[in-house]
Amino acid sequence: MSVASIGSGQSQIYLDITVAAGTSVIATLSGPGVVSSAQQTGLAWSDGRVRLTWTVNTSGSYVATGTAGNFPISGSASVQ
């Protein structure tokens, strides 16, 4: 997972994965300051890439868990 500051005390957290084209991906982000919907979904493009994006407003540790098709996925990020 990666993190980018978007200003106004907010950051975006990205979960990038590559799976088979057309695979449905769903993940939920846990942490101290999730301001977007905690649950994000995506569908893999023809090249298999999926990016899920969350907006947060508090520093700390964040963990995403979910599935890509029938397979579990997870990731973590630290926001400064």
PDB file of N, CA and C in Angstrom:
ATOM      1  N   MET A   1       0.844  -1.176   0.000  1.00  0.00           N
ATOM      2  CA  MET A   1       0.000   0.000   0.000  1.00  0.00           C
ATOM      3  C   MET A   1       0.888   1.237   0.000  1.00  0.00           C
ATOM      4  N   SER A   2       0.336   2.331  -0.516  1.00  0.00           N
ATOM      5  CA  SER A   2       1.083   3.576  -0.574  1.00  0.00           C
ATOM      6  C   SER A   2       0.213   4.708  -0.051  1.00  0.00           C
ATOM      7  N   VAL A   3       0.877   5.810   0.295  1.00  0.00           N
ATOM      8  CA  VAL A   3       0.203   6.957   0.902  1.00  0.00           C
ATOM      9  C   VAL A   3       0.630   8.228   0.177  1.00  0.00           C
ATOM     10  N   ALA A   4      -0.323   9.134  -0.044  1.00  0.00           N
ATOM     11  CA  ALA A   4      -0.017  10.436  -0.631  1.00  0.00           C
ATOM     12  C   ALA A   4      -0.810  11.509   0.102  1.00  0.00           C
ATOM     13  N   SER A   5      -0.142  12.599   0.452  1.00  0.00           N
ATOM     14  CA  SER A   5      -0.821  13.734   1.068  1.00  0.00           C
ATOM     15  C   SER A   5      -1.620  14.469  -0.005  1.00  0.00           C
ATOM     16  N   ILE A   6      -2.858  14.837   0.336  1.00  0.00           N
ATOM     17  CA  ILE A   6      -3.689  15.581  -0.615  1.00  0.00           C
ATOM     18  C   ILE A   6      -4.044  16.965  -0.072  1.00  0.00           C
ATOM     19  N   GLY A   7      -3.372  17.387   1.006  1.00  0.00           N
ATOM     20  CA  GLY A   7      -3.598  18.711   1.568  1.00  0.00           C
ATOM     21  C   GLY A   7      -4.740  18.740   2.559  1.00  0.00           C
ATOM     22  N   SER A   8      -4.885  19.884   3.246  1.00  0.00           N
ATOM     23  CA  SER A   8      -5.946  20.099   4.241  1.00  0.00           C
ATOM     24  C   SER A   8      -5.944  19.027   5.322  1.00  0.00           C
ATOM     25  N   GLY A   9      -4.759  18.516   5.661  1.00  0.00           N
ATOM     26  CA  GLY A   9      -4.662  17.509   6.708  1.00  0.00           C
ATOM     27  C   GLY A   9      -5.149  16.135   6.308  1.00  0.00           C
ATOM     28  N   GLN A  10      -5.349  15.917   5.022  1.00  0.00           N
ATOM     29  CA  GLN A  10      -5.841  14.625   4.560  1.00  0.00           C
ATOM     30  C   GLN A  10      -4.795  13.914   3.710  1.00  0.00           C
ATOM     31  N   SER A  11      -4.897  12.596   3.706  1.00  0.00           N
ATOM     32  CA  SER A  11      -4.046  11.752   2.868  1.00  0.00           C
ATOM     33  C   SER A  11      -4.909  10.723   2.172  1.00  0.00           C
ATOM     34  N   GLN A  12      -4.383  10.207   1.068  1.00  0.00           N
ATOM     35  CA  GLN A  12      -5.026   9.075   0.415  1.00  0.00           C
ATOM     36  C   GLN A  12      -4.142   7.857   0.567  1.00  0.00           C
ATOM     37  N   ILE A  13      -4.798   6.733   0.813  1.00  0.00           N
ATOM     38  CA  ILE A  13      -4.128   5.439   0.900  1.00  0.00           C
ATOM     39  C   ILE A  13      -4.567   4.625  -0.306  1.00  0.00           C
ATOM     40  N   TYR A  14      -3.588   4.035  -0.987  1.00  0.00           N
ATOM     41  CA  TYR A  14      -3.859   3.261  -2.200  1.00  0.00           C
ATOM     42  C   TYR A  14      -3.477   1.804  -1.994  1.00  0.00           C
ATOM     43  N   LEU A  15      -4.342   0.925  -2.440  1.00  0.00           N
ATOM     44  CA  LEU A  15      -4.043  -0.504  -2.512  1.00  0.00           C
ATOM     45  C   LEU A  15      -4.051  -0.875  -3.985  1.00  0.00           C
ATOM     46  N   ASP A  16      -2.887  -1.197  -4.518  1.00  0.00           N
ATOM     47  CA  ASP A  16      -2.744  -1.580  -5.924  1.00  0.00           C
ATOM     48  C   ASP A  16      -2.458  -3.069  -6.009  1.00  0.00           C
ATOM     49  N   ILE A  17      -3.254  -3.776  -6.787  1.00  0.00           N
ATOM     50  CA  ILE A  17      -3.016  -5.199  -6.993  1.00  0.00           C
ATOM     51  C   ILE A  17      -3.201  -5.531  -8.467  1.00  0.00           C
ATOM     52  N   THR A  18      -2.639  -6.651  -8.858  1.00  0.00           N
ATOM     53  CA  THR A  18      -2.816  -7.162 -10.216  1.00  0.00           C
ATOM     54  C   THR A  18      -3.394  -8.560 -10.125  1.00  0.00           C
ATOM     55  N   VAL A  19      -4.499  -8.764 -10.811  1.00  0.00           N
ATOM     56  CA  VAL A  19      -5.234 -10.029 -10.790  1.00  0.00           C
ATOM     57  C   VAL A  19      -5.683 -10.334 -12.217  1.00  0.00           C
ATOM     58  N   ALA A  20      -6.426 -11.386 -12.387  1.00  0.00           N
ATOM     59  CA  ALA A  20      -6.970 -11.696 -13.709  1.00  0.00           C
ATOM     60  C   ALA A  20      -7.961 -10.608 -14.125  1.00  0.00           C
ATOM     61  N   ALA A  21      -7.959 -10.273 -15.399  1.00  0.00           N
ATOM     62  CA  ALA A  21      -8.891  -9.270 -15.918  1.00  0.00           C
ATOM     63  C   ALA A  21     -10.320  -9.633 -15.545  1.00  0.00           C
ATOM     64  N   GLY A  22     -11.082  -8.631 -15.119  1.00  0.00           N
ATOM     65  CA  GLY A  22     -12.477  -8.842 -14.770  1.00  0.00           C
ATOM     66  C   GLY A  22     -12.722  -9.319 -13.356  1.00  0.00           C
ATOM     67  N   THR A  23     -11.659  -9.538 -12.584  1.00  0.00           N
ATOM     68  CA  THR A  23     -11.820  -9.996 -11.205  1.00  0.00           C
ATOM     69  C   THR A  23     -12.373  -8.874 -10.336  1.00  0.00           C
ATOM     70  N   SER A  24     -13.345  -9.209  -9.501  1.00  0.00           N
ATOM     71  CA  SER A  24     -13.912  -8.254  -8.558  1.00  0.00           C
ATOM     72  C   SER A  24     -13.059  -8.211  -7.293  1.00  0.00           C
ATOM     73  N   VAL A  25     -12.756  -7.002  -6.847  1.00  0.00           N
ATOM     74  CA  VAL A  25     -11.933  -6.803  -5.654  1.00  0.00           C
ATOM     75  C   VAL A  25     -12.728  -5.969  -4.657  1.00  0.00           C
ATOM     76  N   ILE A  26     -12.710  -6.386  -3.398  1.00  0.00           N
ATOM     77  CA  ILE A  26     -13.379  -5.645  -2.334  1.00  0.00           C
ATOM     78  C   ILE A  26     -12.476  -5.656  -1.114  1.00  0.00           C
ATOM     79  N   ALA A  27     -12.334  -4.496  -0.469  1.00  0.00           N
ATOM     80  CA  ALA A  27     -11.497  -4.418   0.725  1.00  0.00           C
ATOM     81  C   ALA A  27     -12.036  -3.350   1.660  1.00  0.00           C
ATOM     82  N   THR A  28     -11.787  -3.565   2.950  1.00  0.00           N
ATOM     83  CA  THR A  28     -12.200  -2.633   3.989  1.00  0.00           C
ATOM     84  C   THR A  28     -10.969  -2.129   4.719  1.00  0.00           C
ATOM     85  N   LEU A  29     -10.884  -0.817   4.901  1.00  0.00           N
ATOM     86  CA  LEU A  29      -9.758  -0.201   5.594  1.00  0.00           C
ATOM     87  C   LEU A  29     -10.140   0.094   7.033  1.00  0.00           C
ATOM     88  N   SER A  30      -9.266  -0.325   7.956  1.00  0.00           N
ATOM     89  CA  SER A  30      -9.441  -0.034   9.378  1.00  0.00           C
ATOM     90  C   SER A  30      -8.330   0.894   9.830  1.00  0.00           C
ATOM     91  N   GLY A  31      -8.657   1.838  10.681  1.00  0.00           N
ATOM     92  CA  GLY A  31      -7.664   2.759  11.207  1.00  0.00           C
ATOM     93  C   GLY A  31      -8.345   3.928  11.885  1.00  0.00           C
ATOM     94  N   PRO A  32      -7.546   4.853  12.412  1.00  0.00           N
ATOM     95  CA  PRO A  32      -8.097   5.895  13.281  1.00  0.00           C
ATOM     96  C   PRO A  32      -8.849   7.038  12.605  1.00  0.00           C
ATOM     97  N   GLY A  33      -8.728   7.220  11.295  1.00  0.00           N
ATOM     98  CA  GLY A  33      -9.352   8.405  10.706  1.00  0.00           C
ATOM     99  C   GLY A  33      -9.813   8.235   9.278  1.00  0.00           C
ATOM    100  N   VAL A  34     -10.550   7.169   9.004  1.00  0.00           N
ATOM    101  CA  VAL A  34     -11.038   6.932   7.638  1.00  0.00           C
ATOM    102  C   VAL A  34     -12.242   7.840   7.398  1.00  0.00           C
ATOM    103  N   VAL A  35     -12.134   8.750   6.425  1.00  0.00           N
ATOM    104  CA  VAL A  35     -13.237   9.672   6.150  1.00  0.00           C
ATOM    105  C   VAL A  35     -14.011   9.309   4.886  1.00  0.00           C
ATOM    106  N   SER A  36     -13.417   8.520   4.021  1.00  0.00           N
ATOM    107  CA  SER A  36     -14.157   7.994   2.868  1.00  0.00           C
ATOM    108  C   SER A  36     -14.885   6.737   3.333  1.00  0.00           C
ATOM    109  N   SER A  37     -15.622   6.122   2.452  1.00  0.00           N
ATOM    110  CA  SER A  37     -16.229   4.839   2.781  1.00  0.00           C
ATOM    111  C   SER A  37     -15.125   3.847   3.120  1.00  0.00           C
ATOM    112  N   ALA A  38     -15.261   3.151   4.244  1.00  0.00           N
ATOM    113  CA  ALA A  38     -14.230   2.190   4.654  1.00  0.00           C
ATOM    114  C   ALA A  38     -14.147   1.021   3.682  1.00  0.00           C
ATOM    115  N   GLN A  39     -15.275   0.671   3.062  1.00  0.00           N
ATOM    116  CA  GLN A  39     -15.295  -0.449   2.113  1.00  0.00           C
ATOM    117  C   GLN A  39     -15.214   0.096   0.691  1.00  0.00           C
ATOM    118  N   GLN A  40     -14.231  -0.391  -0.057  1.00  0.00           N
ATOM    119  CA  GLN A  40     -14.048   0.016  -1.449  1.00  0.00           C
ATOM    120  C   GLN A  40     -14.087  -1.225  -2.345  1.00  0.00           C
ATOM    121  N   THR A  41     -14.591  -1.041  -3.550  1.00  0.00           N
ATOM    122  CA  THR A  41     -14.662  -2.142  -4.505  1.00  0.00           C
ATOM    123  C   THR A  41     -14.078  -1.703  -5.840  1.00  0.00           C
ATOM    124  N   GLY A  42     -13.637  -2.671  -6.610  1.00  0.00           N
ATOM    125  CA  GLY A  42     -13.114  -2.385  -7.936  1.00  0.00           C
ATOM    126  C   GLY A  42     -13.187  -3.610  -8.812  1.00  0.00           C
ATOM    127  N   LEU A  43     -13.070  -3.391 -10.100  1.00  0.00           N
ATOM    128  CA  LEU A  43     -13.078  -4.464 -11.086  1.00  0.00           C
ATOM    129  C   LEU A  43     -11.809  -4.326 -11.916  1.00  0.00           C
ATOM    130  N   ALA A  44     -11.070  -5.415 -12.042  1.00  0.00           N
ATOM    131  CA  ALA A  44      -9.787  -5.363 -12.748  1.00  0.00           C
ATOM    132  C   ALA A  44      -9.980  -4.999 -14.215  1.00  0.00           C
ATOM    133  N   TRP A  45      -9.142  -4.074 -14.679  1.00  0.00           N
ATOM    134  CA  TRP A  45      -9.119  -3.689 -16.083  1.00  0.00           C
ATOM    135  C   TRP A  45      -8.621  -4.861 -16.930  1.00  0.00           C
ATOM    136  N   SER A  46      -8.568  -4.655 -18.224  1.00  0.00           N
ATOM    137  CA  SER A  46      -8.117  -5.716 -19.131  1.00  0.00           C
ATOM    138  C   SER A  46      -6.677  -6.125 -18.857  1.00  0.00           C
ATOM    139  N   ASP A  47      -5.882  -5.212 -18.260  1.00  0.00           N
ATOM    140  CA  ASP A  47      -4.499  -5.557 -17.913  1.00  0.00           C
ATOM    141  C   ASP A  47      -4.385  -6.148 -16.509  1.00  0.00           C
ATOM    142  N   GLY A  48      -5.510  -6.311 -15.826  1.00  0.00           N
ATOM    143  CA  GLY A  48      -5.529  -6.942 -14.508  1.00  0.00           C
ATOM    144  C   GLY A  48      -5.298  -6.009 -13.339  1.00  0.00           C
ATOM    145  N   ARG A  49      -5.066  -4.729 -13.614  1.00  0.00           N
ATOM    146  CA  ARG A  49      -4.760  -3.802 -12.521  1.00  0.00           C
ATOM    147  C   ARG A  49      -6.022  -3.275 -11.842  1.00  0.00           C
ATOM    148  N   VAL A  50      -5.913  -3.130 -10.517  1.00  0.00           N
ATOM    149  CA  VAL A  50      -6.983  -2.543  -9.711  1.00  0.00           C
ATOM    150  C   VAL A  50      -6.337  -1.603  -8.698  1.00  0.00           C
ATOM    151  N   ARG A  51      -6.904  -0.429  -8.523  1.00  0.00           N
ATOM    152  CA  ARG A  51      -6.475   0.473  -7.446  1.00  0.00           C
ATOM    153  C   ARG A  51      -7.693   0.835  -6.608  1.00  0.00           C
ATOM    154  N   LEU A  52      -7.603   0.543  -5.315  1.00  0.00           N
ATOM    155  CA  LEU A  52      -8.615   0.986  -4.363  1.00  0.00           C
ATOM    156  C   LEU A  52      -8.037   2.176  -3.605  1.00  0.00           C
ATOM    157  N   THR A  53      -8.877   3.175  -3.339  1.00  0.00           N
ATOM    158  CA  THR A  53      -8.415   4.427  -2.741  1.00  0.00           C
ATOM    159  C   THR A  53      -9.288   4.808  -1.552  1.00  0.00           C
ATOM    160  N   TRP A  54      -8.626   5.172  -0.453  1.00  0.00           N
ATOM    161  CA  TRP A  54      -9.307   5.672   0.739  1.00  0.00           C
ATOM    162  C   TRP A  54      -8.747   7.035   1.106  1.00  0.00           C
ATOM    163  N   THR A  55      -9.583   7.879   1.705  1.00  0.00           N
ATOM    164  CA  THR A  55      -9.140   9.160   2.243  1.00  0.00           C
ATOM    165  C   THR A  55      -9.177   9.091   3.767  1.00  0.00           C
ATOM    166  N   VAL A  56      -8.085   9.566   4.394  1.00  0.00           N
ATOM    167  CA  VAL A  56      -7.982   9.560   5.854  1.00  0.00           C
ATOM    168  C   VAL A  56      -7.541  10.947   6.325  1.00  0.00           C
ATOM    169  N   ASN A  57      -7.814  11.247   7.600  1.00  0.00           N
ATOM    170  CA  ASN A  57      -7.442  12.564   8.124  1.00  0.00           C
ATOM    171  C   ASN A  57      -6.712  12.500   9.462  1.00  0.00           C
ATOM    172  N   THR A  58      -6.208  11.327   9.818  1.00  0.00           N
ATOM    173  CA  THR A  58      -5.517  11.150  11.092  1.00  0.00           C
ATOM    174  C   THR A  58      -4.282  10.295  10.871  1.00  0.00           C
ATOM    175  N   SER A  59      -3.170  10.699  11.478  1.00  0.00           N
ATOM    176  CA  SER A  59      -1.969   9.876  11.374  1.00  0.00           C
ATOM    177  C   SER A  59      -2.162   8.589  12.168  1.00  0.00           C
ATOM    178  N   GLY A  60      -1.413   7.561  11.768  1.00  0.00           N
ATOM    179  CA  GLY A  60      -1.493   6.280  12.453  1.00  0.00           C
ATOM    180  C   GLY A  60      -1.358   5.126  11.490  1.00  0.00           C
ATOM    181  N   SER A  61      -1.656   3.943  11.993  1.00  0.00           N
ATOM    182  CA  SER A  61      -1.540   2.713  11.208  1.00  0.00           C
ATOM    183  C   SER A  61      -2.897   2.318  10.651  1.00  0.00           C
ATOM    184  N   TYR A  62      -2.886   1.877   9.395  1.00  0.00           N
ATOM    185  CA  TYR A  62      -4.096   1.463   8.702  1.00  0.00           C
ATOM    186  C   TYR A  62      -3.885   0.081   8.096  1.00  0.00           C
ATOM    187  N   VAL A  63      -4.941  -0.727   8.132  1.00  0.00           N
ATOM    188  CA  VAL A  63      -4.876  -2.086   7.594  1.00  0.00           C
ATOM    189  C   VAL A  63      -6.082  -2.308   6.692  1.00  0.00           C
ATOM    190  N   ALA A  64      -5.824  -2.829   5.499  1.00  0.00           N
ATOM    191  CA  ALA A  64      -6.896  -3.194   4.569  1.00  0.00           C
ATOM    192  C   ALA A  64      -6.959  -4.710   4.460  1.00  0.00           C
ATOM    193  N   THR A  65      -8.163  -5.249   4.507  1.00  0.00           N
ATOM    194  CA  THR A  65      -8.370  -6.683   4.309  1.00  0.00           C
ATOM    195  C   THR A  65      -9.560  -6.866   3.384  1.00  0.00           C
ATOM    196  N   GLY A  66      -9.511  -7.927   2.588  1.00  0.00           N
ATOM    197  CA  GLY A  66     -10.616  -8.185   1.681  1.00  0.00           C
ATOM    198  C   GLY A  66     -10.353  -9.383   0.810  1.00  0.00           C
ATOM    199  N   THR A  67     -10.973  -9.368  -0.372  1.00  0.00           N
ATOM    200  CA  THR A  67     -10.832 -10.483  -1.305  1.00  0.00           C
ATOM    201  C   THR A  67     -10.673  -9.966  -2.727  1.00  0.00           C
ATOM    202  N   ALA A  68      -9.962 -10.745  -3.513  1.00  0.00           N
ATOM    203  CA  ALA A  68      -9.860 -10.555  -4.957  1.00  0.00           C
ATOM    204  C   ALA A  68     -10.358 -11.856  -5.555  1.00  0.00           C
ATOM    205  N   GLY A  69     -11.587 -11.828  -6.051  1.00  0.00           N
ATOM    206  CA  GLY A  69     -12.213 -13.088  -6.433  1.00  0.00           C
ATOM    207  C   GLY A  69     -12.410 -13.915  -5.172  1.00  0.00           C
ATOM    208  N   ASN A  70     -11.871 -15.127  -5.164  1.00  0.00           N
ATOM    209  CA  ASN A  70     -11.980 -15.998  -3.991  1.00  0.00           C
ATOM    210  C   ASN A  70     -10.742 -15.970  -3.109  1.00  0.00           C
ATOM    211  N   PHE A  71      -9.796 -15.088  -3.407  1.00  0.00           N
ATOM    212  CA  PHE A  71      -8.520 -15.089  -2.695  1.00  0.00           C
ATOM    213  C   PHE A  71      -8.437 -13.924  -1.711  1.00  0.00           C
ATOM    214  N   PRO A  72      -7.932 -14.179  -0.506  1.00  0.00           N
ATOM    215  CA  PRO A  72      -7.794 -13.091   0.467  1.00  0.00           C
ATOM    216  C   PRO A  72      -6.679 -12.128   0.074  1.00  0.00           C
ATOM    217  N   ILE A  73      -6.888 -10.855   0.373  1.00  0.00           N
ATOM    218  CA  ILE A  73      -5.863  -9.835   0.159  1.00  0.00           C
ATOM    219  C   ILE A  73      -5.753  -9.002   1.431  1.00  0.00           C
ATOM    220  N   SER A  74      -4.601  -8.409   1.631  1.00  0.00           N
ATOM    221  CA  SER A  74      -4.423  -7.519   2.772  1.00  0.00           C
ATOM    222  C   SER A  74      -3.237  -6.606   2.513  1.00  0.00           C
ATOM    223  N   GLY A  75      -3.190  -5.548   3.268  1.00  0.00           N
ATOM    224  CA  GLY A  75      -2.075  -4.622   3.179  1.00  0.00           C
ATOM    225  C   GLY A  75      -2.111  -3.680   4.357  1.00  0.00           C
ATOM    226  N   SER A  76      -1.010  -2.988   4.580  1.00  0.00           N
ATOM    227  CA  SER A  76      -0.955  -2.027   5.676  1.00  0.00           C
ATOM    228  C   SER A  76      -0.183  -0.795   5.236  1.00  0.00           C
ATOM    229  N   ALA A  77      -0.483   0.311   5.905  1.00  0.00           N
ATOM    230  CA  ALA A  77       0.187   1.571   5.610  1.00  0.00           C
ATOM    231  C   ALA A  77       0.253   2.399   6.880  1.00  0.00           C
ATOM    232  N   SER A  78       1.272   3.229   6.950  1.00  0.00           N
ATOM    233  CA  SER A  78       1.430   4.154   8.066  1.00  0.00           C
ATOM    234  C   SER A  78       1.341   5.575   7.533  1.00  0.00           C
ATOM    235  N   VAL A  79       0.457   6.367   8.134  1.00  0.00           N
ATOM    236  CA  VAL A  79       0.292   7.764   7.744  1.00  0.00           C
ATOM    237  C   VAL A  79       0.965   8.626   8.802  1.00  0.00           C
ATOM    238  N   GLN A  80       1.869   9.492   8.360  1.00  0.00           N
ATOM    239  CA  GLN A  80       2.616  10.359   9.293  1.00  0.00           C
ATOM    240  C   GLN A  80       1.849  11.637   9.575  1.00  0.00           C
TER     241      GLN A  80
END
